[in-house]
Protein backbone atom coordinates (compact mmCIF):
# COMPACT_ATOMS: atom_id res chain seq x y z
CA UNK A 1 120.95 124.42 139.46
CA UNK A 2 120.28 120.68 139.67
CA UNK A 3 120.33 119.13 136.19
CA UNK A 4 118.03 116.15 136.71
CA UNK A 5 118.55 114.94 133.12
CA UNK A 6 122.33 115.34 132.91
CA UNK A 7 123.97 112.73 130.64
CA UNK A 8 120.60 111.73 129.16
CA UNK A 9 119.27 112.31 125.66
CA UNK A 10 115.79 112.82 124.25
CA UNK A 11 114.13 112.45 120.86
CA UNK A 12 111.13 114.79 120.67
CA UNK A 13 108.73 114.73 117.73
CA UNK A 14 106.93 117.86 116.59
CA UNK A 15 109.41 119.92 118.60
CA UNK A 16 109.74 122.88 116.24
CA UNK A 17 106.97 124.90 117.83
CA UNK A 18 104.18 124.89 120.38
CA UNK A 19 104.05 122.24 123.08
CA UNK A 20 106.84 120.25 121.44
CA UNK A 21 109.18 123.21 121.57
CA UNK A 22 108.27 123.87 125.20
CA UNK A 23 109.11 120.25 125.99
CA UNK A 24 112.42 120.34 124.13
CA UNK A 25 113.43 123.55 125.87
CA UNK A 26 112.69 122.19 129.33
CA UNK A 27 114.45 118.87 128.68
CA UNK A 28 117.52 120.73 127.40
CA UNK A 29 117.44 123.12 130.36
CA UNK A 30 117.57 120.09 132.65
CA UNK A 31 120.72 118.82 130.93
CA UNK A 32 119.44 116.44 128.26
CA UNK A 33 120.80 116.35 124.75
CA UNK A 34 117.81 116.80 122.44
CA UNK A 35 116.97 115.90 118.87
CA UNK A 36 114.31 118.23 117.47
CA UNK A 37 112.44 115.83 115.18
CA UNK A 38 110.02 117.79 113.02
CA UNK A 39 108.62 117.77 109.51
CA UNK A 40 109.11 121.54 109.27
CA UNK A 41 112.73 122.34 108.53
CA UNK A 42 112.32 126.05 109.25
CA UNK A 43 110.81 125.86 112.73
CA UNK A 44 112.67 122.68 113.64
CA UNK A 45 116.02 124.05 112.54
CA UNK A 46 115.36 127.34 114.29
CA UNK A 47 114.50 125.66 117.59
CA UNK A 48 117.61 123.47 117.47
CA UNK A 49 119.75 126.48 116.55
CA UNK A 50 118.43 128.60 119.41
CA UNK A 51 119.05 125.81 121.90
CA UNK A 52 122.62 125.46 120.66
CA UNK A 53 123.14 129.22 120.93
CA UNK A 54 121.97 128.98 124.55
CA UNK A 55 124.67 126.41 125.22
CA UNK A 56 122.42 123.35 125.06
CA UNK A 57 123.22 120.11 123.24
CA UNK A 58 120.71 119.91 120.39
CA UNK A 59 120.31 118.95 116.77
CA UNK A 60 117.56 118.96 114.15
CA UNK A 61 116.32 115.89 112.27
CA UNK A 62 113.70 116.29 109.57
CA UNK A 63 111.14 113.61 110.36
CA UNK A 64 107.64 113.02 109.06
CA UNK A 65 106.24 110.57 111.61
CA UNK A 66 103.92 109.15 108.95
CA UNK A 67 107.07 107.72 107.33
CA UNK A 68 108.73 104.74 109.01
CA UNK A 69 111.88 105.39 106.98
CA UNK A 70 112.04 108.96 108.33
CA UNK A 71 111.66 107.71 111.89
CA UNK A 72 114.42 105.12 111.48
CA UNK A 73 116.70 107.74 109.94
CA UNK A 74 115.92 110.26 112.67
CA UNK A 75 116.64 107.83 115.49
CA UNK A 76 119.84 106.72 113.76
CA UNK A 77 120.91 110.36 113.60
CA UNK A 78 120.14 110.75 117.29
CA UNK A 79 122.19 107.70 118.20
CA UNK A 80 125.10 108.89 116.08
CA UNK A 81 125.11 112.24 117.91
CA UNK A 82 124.29 111.18 121.48
CA UNK A 83 125.30 107.50 121.63
CA UNK A 84 122.04 106.29 123.16
CA UNK A 85 118.38 107.09 123.64
CA UNK A 86 116.98 107.64 127.12
CA UNK A 87 113.78 109.59 126.45
CA UNK A 88 111.27 109.47 123.60
CA UNK A 89 108.53 112.10 123.53
CA UNK A 90 105.75 111.41 121.03
CA UNK A 91 104.30 114.88 120.64
CA UNK A 92 103.72 115.37 116.90
CA UNK A 93 100.10 115.47 115.79
CA UNK A 94 97.33 117.83 114.72
CA UNK A 95 93.73 118.60 115.59
CA UNK A 96 91.19 117.05 113.23
CA UNK A 97 87.62 118.22 112.68
CA UNK A 98 85.51 115.90 110.51
CA UNK A 99 81.91 114.78 110.20
CA UNK A 100 82.00 111.02 110.78
CA UNK A 101 79.31 110.51 108.15
CA UNK A 102 81.19 112.51 105.51
CA UNK A 103 84.83 111.69 106.25
CA UNK A 104 86.51 109.49 103.65
CA UNK A 105 88.46 106.35 104.50
CA UNK A 106 91.57 108.06 103.13
CA UNK A 107 91.07 111.03 105.45
CA UNK A 108 90.60 108.64 108.37
CA UNK A 109 93.83 106.81 107.51
CA UNK A 110 95.76 110.08 107.25
CA UNK A 111 94.45 111.24 110.61
CA UNK A 112 95.27 107.97 112.37
CA UNK A 113 98.71 107.91 110.73
CA UNK A 114 99.55 111.33 112.12
CA UNK A 115 97.92 111.11 115.54
CA UNK A 116 98.38 107.45 116.51
CA UNK A 117 100.30 105.27 114.07
CA UNK A 118 103.31 107.62 114.08
CA UNK A 119 103.63 107.39 117.86
CA UNK A 120 103.59 103.60 117.64
CA UNK A 121 106.24 103.62 114.91
CA UNK A 122 108.52 105.81 117.03
CA UNK A 123 108.04 103.40 119.93
CA UNK A 124 108.70 100.44 117.63
CA UNK A 125 112.16 101.74 116.79
CA UNK A 126 113.00 103.25 120.17
CA UNK A 127 112.10 100.28 122.37
CA UNK A 128 114.86 97.91 121.17
CA UNK A 129 117.45 100.66 121.67
CA UNK A 130 116.23 101.31 125.21
CA UNK A 131 116.04 97.59 125.95
CA UNK A 132 119.75 97.21 125.18
CA UNK A 133 120.47 99.37 128.22
CA UNK A 134 117.45 98.12 130.18
CA UNK A 135 116.43 101.71 130.76
CA UNK A 136 114.24 104.31 129.10
CA UNK A 137 111.20 106.54 129.30
CA UNK A 138 108.53 107.06 126.66
CA UNK A 139 106.16 109.99 127.14
CA UNK A 140 103.15 110.10 124.84
CA UNK A 141 101.39 113.43 124.50
CA UNK A 142 97.68 112.67 124.47
CA UNK A 143 94.97 115.25 125.25
CA UNK A 144 92.04 115.86 127.56
CA UNK A 145 90.06 114.92 124.44
CA UNK A 146 91.14 111.32 125.06
CA UNK A 147 88.65 111.01 127.93
CA UNK A 148 86.38 114.04 127.52
CA UNK A 149 85.79 115.93 124.32
CA UNK A 150 83.81 118.66 122.56
CA UNK A 151 81.78 118.89 119.39
CA UNK A 152 83.67 118.64 116.12
CA UNK A 153 86.84 116.94 117.33
CA UNK A 154 86.36 113.68 115.42
CA UNK A 155 88.52 111.64 114.92
CA UNK A 156 91.27 113.49 116.83
CA UNK A 157 89.70 112.41 120.10
CA UNK A 158 89.57 108.80 118.85
CA UNK A 159 93.29 108.77 118.10
CA UNK A 160 94.14 110.35 121.46
CA UNK A 161 92.12 107.66 123.21
CA UNK A 162 94.30 105.20 121.31
CA UNK A 163 97.39 106.93 122.68
CA UNK A 164 96.23 106.05 126.19
CA UNK A 165 95.79 102.42 125.16
CA UNK A 166 99.24 102.42 123.56
CA UNK A 167 100.70 103.80 126.78
CA UNK A 168 99.12 101.14 128.99
CA UNK A 169 100.08 98.23 126.73
CA UNK A 170 103.71 99.25 126.32
CA UNK A 171 104.09 99.94 130.03
CA UNK A 172 102.92 96.41 130.79
CA UNK A 173 104.92 94.70 128.06
CA UNK A 174 108.22 96.54 128.59
CA UNK A 175 108.27 97.29 132.29
CA UNK A 176 110.46 94.24 132.95
CA UNK A 177 113.14 96.00 130.88
CA UNK A 178 112.94 99.05 133.14
CA UNK A 179 111.22 101.06 130.43
CA UNK A 180 108.52 103.39 131.67
CA UNK A 181 105.68 104.66 129.49
CA UNK A 182 103.48 107.58 130.56
CA UNK A 183 100.81 109.65 128.83
CA UNK A 184 100.48 113.40 129.37
CA UNK A 185 97.12 114.97 128.52
CA UNK A 186 97.16 118.77 128.13
CA UNK A 187 94.07 120.95 128.04
CA UNK A 188 94.08 124.51 126.70
CA UNK A 189 97.67 125.58 125.98
CA UNK A 190 98.71 128.83 124.31
CA UNK A 191 99.78 127.40 120.95
CA UNK A 192 99.05 128.40 117.35
CA UNK A 193 95.78 126.41 117.08
CA UNK A 194 94.50 128.05 120.27
CA UNK A 195 95.57 131.51 119.12
CA UNK A 196 93.92 130.85 115.75
CA UNK A 197 90.74 129.84 117.58
CA UNK A 198 90.69 133.15 119.43
CA UNK A 199 91.54 135.15 116.29
CA UNK A 200 88.70 133.61 114.28
CA UNK A 201 86.05 134.24 116.94
CA UNK A 202 83.51 137.03 116.36
CA UNK A 203 84.95 138.77 119.40
CA UNK A 204 88.49 137.41 120.00
CA UNK A 205 88.98 139.18 123.35
CA UNK A 206 85.62 137.98 124.66
CA UNK A 207 86.31 134.40 123.57
CA UNK A 208 89.72 134.37 125.24
CA UNK A 209 88.15 135.78 128.40
CA UNK A 210 85.47 133.08 128.29
CA UNK A 211 88.03 130.31 127.99
CA UNK A 212 90.20 131.74 130.76
CA UNK A 213 87.23 131.95 133.10
CA UNK A 214 86.13 128.33 132.72
CA UNK A 215 89.47 127.34 134.27
CA UNK A 216 89.68 127.18 138.07
CA UNK A 217 93.13 128.81 137.85
CA UNK A 218 91.75 131.57 135.61
CA UNK A 219 94.45 131.16 133.00
CA UNK A 220 95.35 128.79 130.18
CA UNK A 221 98.56 126.83 130.00
CA UNK A 222 101.87 127.70 128.39
CA UNK A 223 104.06 125.23 126.46
CA UNK A 224 106.72 125.41 129.19
CA UNK A 225 104.16 124.18 131.74
CA UNK A 226 103.81 120.94 129.80
CA UNK A 227 107.58 120.87 129.28
CA UNK A 228 108.26 121.08 133.00
CA UNK A 229 105.93 118.14 133.67
CA UNK A 230 107.57 116.07 130.94
CA UNK A 231 111.04 116.85 132.31
CA UNK A 232 109.97 115.60 135.73
CA UNK A 233 108.37 112.43 134.33
CA UNK A 234 111.52 111.73 132.31
CA UNK A 235 113.71 112.00 135.40
CA UNK A 236 114.68 109.41 138.01
CA UNK A 237 112.46 111.28 140.48
CA UNK A 238 109.49 109.76 138.63
CA UNK A 239 110.95 106.25 138.52
CA UNK A 240 107.80 104.62 139.94
CA UNK A 241 105.38 106.26 137.51
CA UNK A 242 104.36 104.19 134.49
CA UNK A 243 101.30 102.98 132.61
CA UNK A 244 99.16 105.96 133.53
CA UNK A 245 97.87 109.31 132.30
CA UNK A 246 98.82 112.64 133.87
CA UNK A 247 96.36 115.43 133.09
CA UNK A 248 97.66 119.01 132.92
CA UNK A 249 94.70 121.26 132.22
CA UNK A 250 94.47 123.97 134.87
CA UNK A 251 91.64 122.05 136.52
CA UNK A 252 89.16 122.36 133.67
CA UNK A 253 88.31 118.64 133.67
CA UNK A 254 87.25 118.90 137.33
CA UNK A 255 84.25 120.99 136.29
CA UNK A 256 80.76 119.59 135.96
CA UNK A 257 79.23 120.54 132.62
CA UNK A 258 77.09 123.66 132.86
């Protein structure tokens, strides 16, 4: 097996479960040492432990990306373990569902802190480390909601649009240091929020069937699908890809609205 990420290391936020875990698993499978940076010590520690049991190089760092001190501490822990930082994956975040006319300023600030500001703070502290080696890759997990959205996704979609702007700006400003920045925008992926959506429907089986059938591929994504894409983008095979968004949504965004 070709290990395209051998001798590289990755810091992945929100990697304890869902898409983040799928990313961490695929990066580790391709040879990267991985720090599972997550606010949840149970899921984060479990993911890191399972990777280690599988013979991968991994560790857990408890990080709340809303805290700059946590991010600095987490990256310091990563550097102490792996000696450098080649790949940053900004995955941590959460869906938000507010009425713009009723949402408080405090709720807005909390949402932006989790879904946009935290990604910037991780970049802030990763970029100088990468610049020392004149090499690095930052992959920001956005969403199809960044460019197309649905009812009741405010202000999650606003923050994810900001992630695309963050990606473009950093790619332009840091490209001369051989640092690439790419956004990945998933659609429906079988994670806890999606499973909860199905479970809370009046007819869960019918709702899942509806969602599956609006996809050209007639299936929804799995976390490892996103992980495989991220592993490729983090590798030297993708060395000419920067400043752009890669959509991974099973073709759903190709559809004209019914």
